[in-house]
Amino acid sequence: MIKRKIKSTSDDYWDKLPEGVRNSIEVGLAQLDAGKGIPYETVLKRVKKKYPFLNFESAV
């Protein structure tokens, strides 16, 4: 799935990734397709709560 998308812009990029990285990308995309993703705002809220000493405002 992702290989087709990447191949459309660069034949070498996907093939140069280690197999484990390619597999992880495929698993992640399958999870997103299955509705198992976590919205960015939710993740940011959790990280800010866990790491209040980090300055996220300047990271954008």
N, C-alpha and C. Protein backbone atom coordinates (compact mmCIF):
# COMPACT_ATOMS: atom_id res chain seq x y z
N MET A 1 0.83 -1.18 0.00
CA MET A 1 0.00 0.00 0.00
C MET A 1 0.88 1.25 0.00
N ILE A 2 1.66 1.46 1.05
CA ILE A 2 2.50 2.66 1.13
C ILE A 2 3.57 2.63 0.05
N LYS A 3 4.03 1.44 -0.33
CA LYS A 3 5.06 1.35 -1.35
C LYS A 3 4.57 1.99 -2.65
N ARG A 4 3.31 1.78 -2.99
CA ARG A 4 2.78 2.39 -4.21
C ARG A 4 2.82 3.90 -4.12
N LYS A 5 2.48 4.45 -2.96
CA LYS A 5 2.46 5.90 -2.79
C LYS A 5 3.86 6.47 -2.88
N ILE A 6 4.81 5.82 -2.22
CA ILE A 6 6.18 6.31 -2.24
C ILE A 6 6.81 6.09 -3.61
N LYS A 7 6.54 4.95 -4.23
CA LYS A 7 7.10 4.67 -5.55
C LYS A 7 6.69 5.71 -6.57
N SER A 8 5.53 6.30 -6.40
CA SER A 8 5.08 7.29 -7.36
C SER A 8 5.98 8.54 -7.35
N THR A 9 6.69 8.76 -6.25
CA THR A 9 7.57 9.93 -6.17
C THR A 9 9.04 9.56 -6.19
N SER A 10 9.38 8.36 -5.70
CA SER A 10 10.79 7.98 -5.63
C SER A 10 10.92 6.47 -5.52
N ASP A 11 11.46 5.84 -6.55
CA ASP A 11 11.64 4.38 -6.53
C ASP A 11 12.64 3.93 -5.48
N ASP A 12 13.63 4.74 -5.20
CA ASP A 12 14.70 4.32 -4.30
C ASP A 12 14.34 4.43 -2.83
N TYR A 13 13.51 5.37 -2.48
CA TYR A 13 13.26 5.67 -1.07
C TYR A 13 12.72 4.46 -0.31
N TRP A 14 11.65 3.87 -0.77
CA TRP A 14 11.03 2.74 -0.07
C TRP A 14 12.00 1.57 0.02
N ASP A 15 12.68 1.28 -1.06
CA ASP A 15 13.58 0.13 -1.11
C ASP A 15 14.80 0.30 -0.19
N LYS A 16 15.17 1.51 0.10
CA LYS A 16 16.32 1.76 0.97
C LYS A 16 15.98 1.66 2.45
N LEU A 17 14.70 1.69 2.78
CA LEU A 17 14.31 1.56 4.18
C LEU A 17 14.53 0.12 4.64
N PRO A 18 14.99 -0.06 5.89
CA PRO A 18 15.13 -1.42 6.42
C PRO A 18 13.77 -2.12 6.44
N GLU A 19 13.80 -3.42 6.30
CA GLU A 19 12.55 -4.20 6.25
C GLU A 19 11.69 -3.96 7.49
N GLY A 20 12.31 -3.87 8.65
CA GLY A 20 11.56 -3.64 9.89
C GLY A 20 10.84 -2.30 9.87
N VAL A 21 11.46 -1.29 9.30
CA VAL A 21 10.83 0.03 9.20
C VAL A 21 9.66 -0.03 8.23
N ARG A 22 9.86 -0.69 7.09
CA ARG A 22 8.77 -0.83 6.13
C ARG A 22 7.59 -1.57 6.76
N ASN A 23 7.89 -2.64 7.50
CA ASN A 23 6.83 -3.41 8.16
C ASN A 23 6.09 -2.54 9.18
N SER A 24 6.83 -1.75 9.94
CA SER A 24 6.20 -0.88 10.95
C SER A 24 5.29 0.15 10.29
N ILE A 25 5.71 0.68 9.18
CA ILE A 25 4.88 1.65 8.45
C ILE A 25 3.60 0.98 7.98
N GLU A 26 3.72 -0.22 7.42
CA GLU A 26 2.54 -0.96 6.95
C GLU A 26 1.58 -1.25 8.10
N VAL A 27 2.10 -1.66 9.26
CA VAL A 27 1.27 -1.94 10.42
C VAL A 27 0.56 -0.67 10.88
N GLY A 28 1.29 0.42 10.95
CA GLY A 28 0.70 1.69 11.37
C GLY A 28 -0.40 2.15 10.43
N LEU A 29 -0.19 2.01 9.14
CA LEU A 29 -1.21 2.40 8.18
C LEU A 29 -2.45 1.52 8.29
N ALA A 30 -2.23 0.22 8.53
CA ALA A 30 -3.36 -0.69 8.71
C ALA A 30 -4.15 -0.31 9.97
N GLN A 31 -3.44 0.08 11.03
CA GLN A 31 -4.11 0.51 12.25
C GLN A 31 -4.94 1.77 11.99
N LEU A 32 -4.39 2.71 11.24
CA LEU A 32 -5.15 3.92 10.92
C LEU A 32 -6.38 3.59 10.09
N ASP A 33 -6.22 2.70 9.12
CA ASP A 33 -7.35 2.29 8.29
C ASP A 33 -8.44 1.63 9.13
N ALA A 34 -8.04 0.96 10.22
CA ALA A 34 -8.99 0.28 11.09
C ALA A 34 -9.58 1.22 12.15
N GLY A 35 -9.23 2.51 12.07
CA GLY A 35 -9.78 3.48 13.01
C GLY A 35 -9.09 3.48 14.36
N LYS A 36 -7.88 2.96 14.44
CA LYS A 36 -7.18 2.87 15.71
C LYS A 36 -6.22 4.04 15.95
N GLY A 37 -6.32 5.08 15.16
CA GLY A 37 -5.45 6.23 15.33
C GLY A 37 -5.86 7.08 16.51
N ILE A 38 -4.92 7.87 17.02
CA ILE A 38 -5.19 8.78 18.14
C ILE A 38 -5.03 10.20 17.59
N PRO A 39 -6.04 11.05 17.76
CA PRO A 39 -5.93 12.43 17.25
C PRO A 39 -4.74 13.16 17.86
N TYR A 40 -4.16 14.02 17.06
CA TYR A 40 -2.99 14.81 17.46
C TYR A 40 -3.24 15.56 18.76
N GLU A 41 -4.41 16.18 18.87
CA GLU A 41 -4.73 16.97 20.06
C GLU A 41 -4.71 16.11 21.32
N THR A 42 -5.17 14.86 21.20
CA THR A 42 -5.18 13.94 22.35
C THR A 42 -3.77 13.58 22.76
N VAL A 43 -2.94 13.29 21.77
CA VAL A 43 -1.55 12.93 22.06
C VAL A 43 -0.84 14.11 22.70
N LEU A 44 -1.02 15.30 22.14
CA LEU A 44 -0.36 16.49 22.68
C LEU A 44 -0.78 16.74 24.12
N LYS A 45 -2.06 16.58 24.40
CA LYS A 45 -2.56 16.80 25.76
C LYS A 45 -1.90 15.81 26.74
N ARG A 46 -1.80 14.55 26.33
CA ARG A 46 -1.17 13.53 27.18
C ARG A 46 0.31 13.82 27.43
N VAL A 47 0.99 14.22 26.38
CA VAL A 47 2.42 14.51 26.51
C VAL A 47 2.65 15.73 27.40
N LYS A 48 1.84 16.76 27.22
CA LYS A 48 1.97 17.96 28.05
C LYS A 48 1.72 17.64 29.52
N LYS A 49 0.77 16.75 29.78
CA LYS A 49 0.48 16.36 31.16
C LYS A 49 1.63 15.56 31.76
N LYS A 50 2.21 14.67 30.96
CA LYS A 50 3.29 13.81 31.44
C LYS A 50 4.61 14.58 31.56
N TYR A 51 4.84 15.54 30.68
CA TYR A 51 6.09 16.29 30.66
C TYR A 51 5.82 17.79 30.73
N PRO A 52 5.33 18.28 31.87
CA PRO A 52 4.95 19.69 31.98
C PRO A 52 6.13 20.66 31.87
N PHE A 53 7.33 20.16 32.04
CA PHE A 53 8.51 21.01 31.99
C PHE A 53 8.98 21.29 30.56
N LEU A 54 8.42 20.62 29.58
CA LEU A 54 8.80 20.85 28.19
C LEU A 54 7.98 22.00 27.60
N ASN A 55 8.62 22.79 26.75
CA ASN A 55 7.96 23.93 26.13
C ASN A 55 7.51 23.53 24.73
N PHE A 56 6.22 23.23 24.58
CA PHE A 56 5.71 22.80 23.29
C PHE A 56 5.31 23.97 22.39
N GLU A 57 5.20 25.13 22.94
CA GLU A 57 4.77 26.28 22.13
C GLU A 57 5.83 26.64 21.09
N SER A 58 7.09 26.48 21.41
CA SER A 58 8.15 26.87 20.46
C SER A 58 8.51 25.73 19.51
N ALA A 59 7.89 24.57 19.68
CA ALA A 59 8.22 23.41 18.84
C ALA A 59 7.54 23.46 17.48
N VAL A 60 6.59 24.35 17.30
CA VAL A 60 5.83 24.38 16.05
C VAL A 60 6.55 25.12 14.99
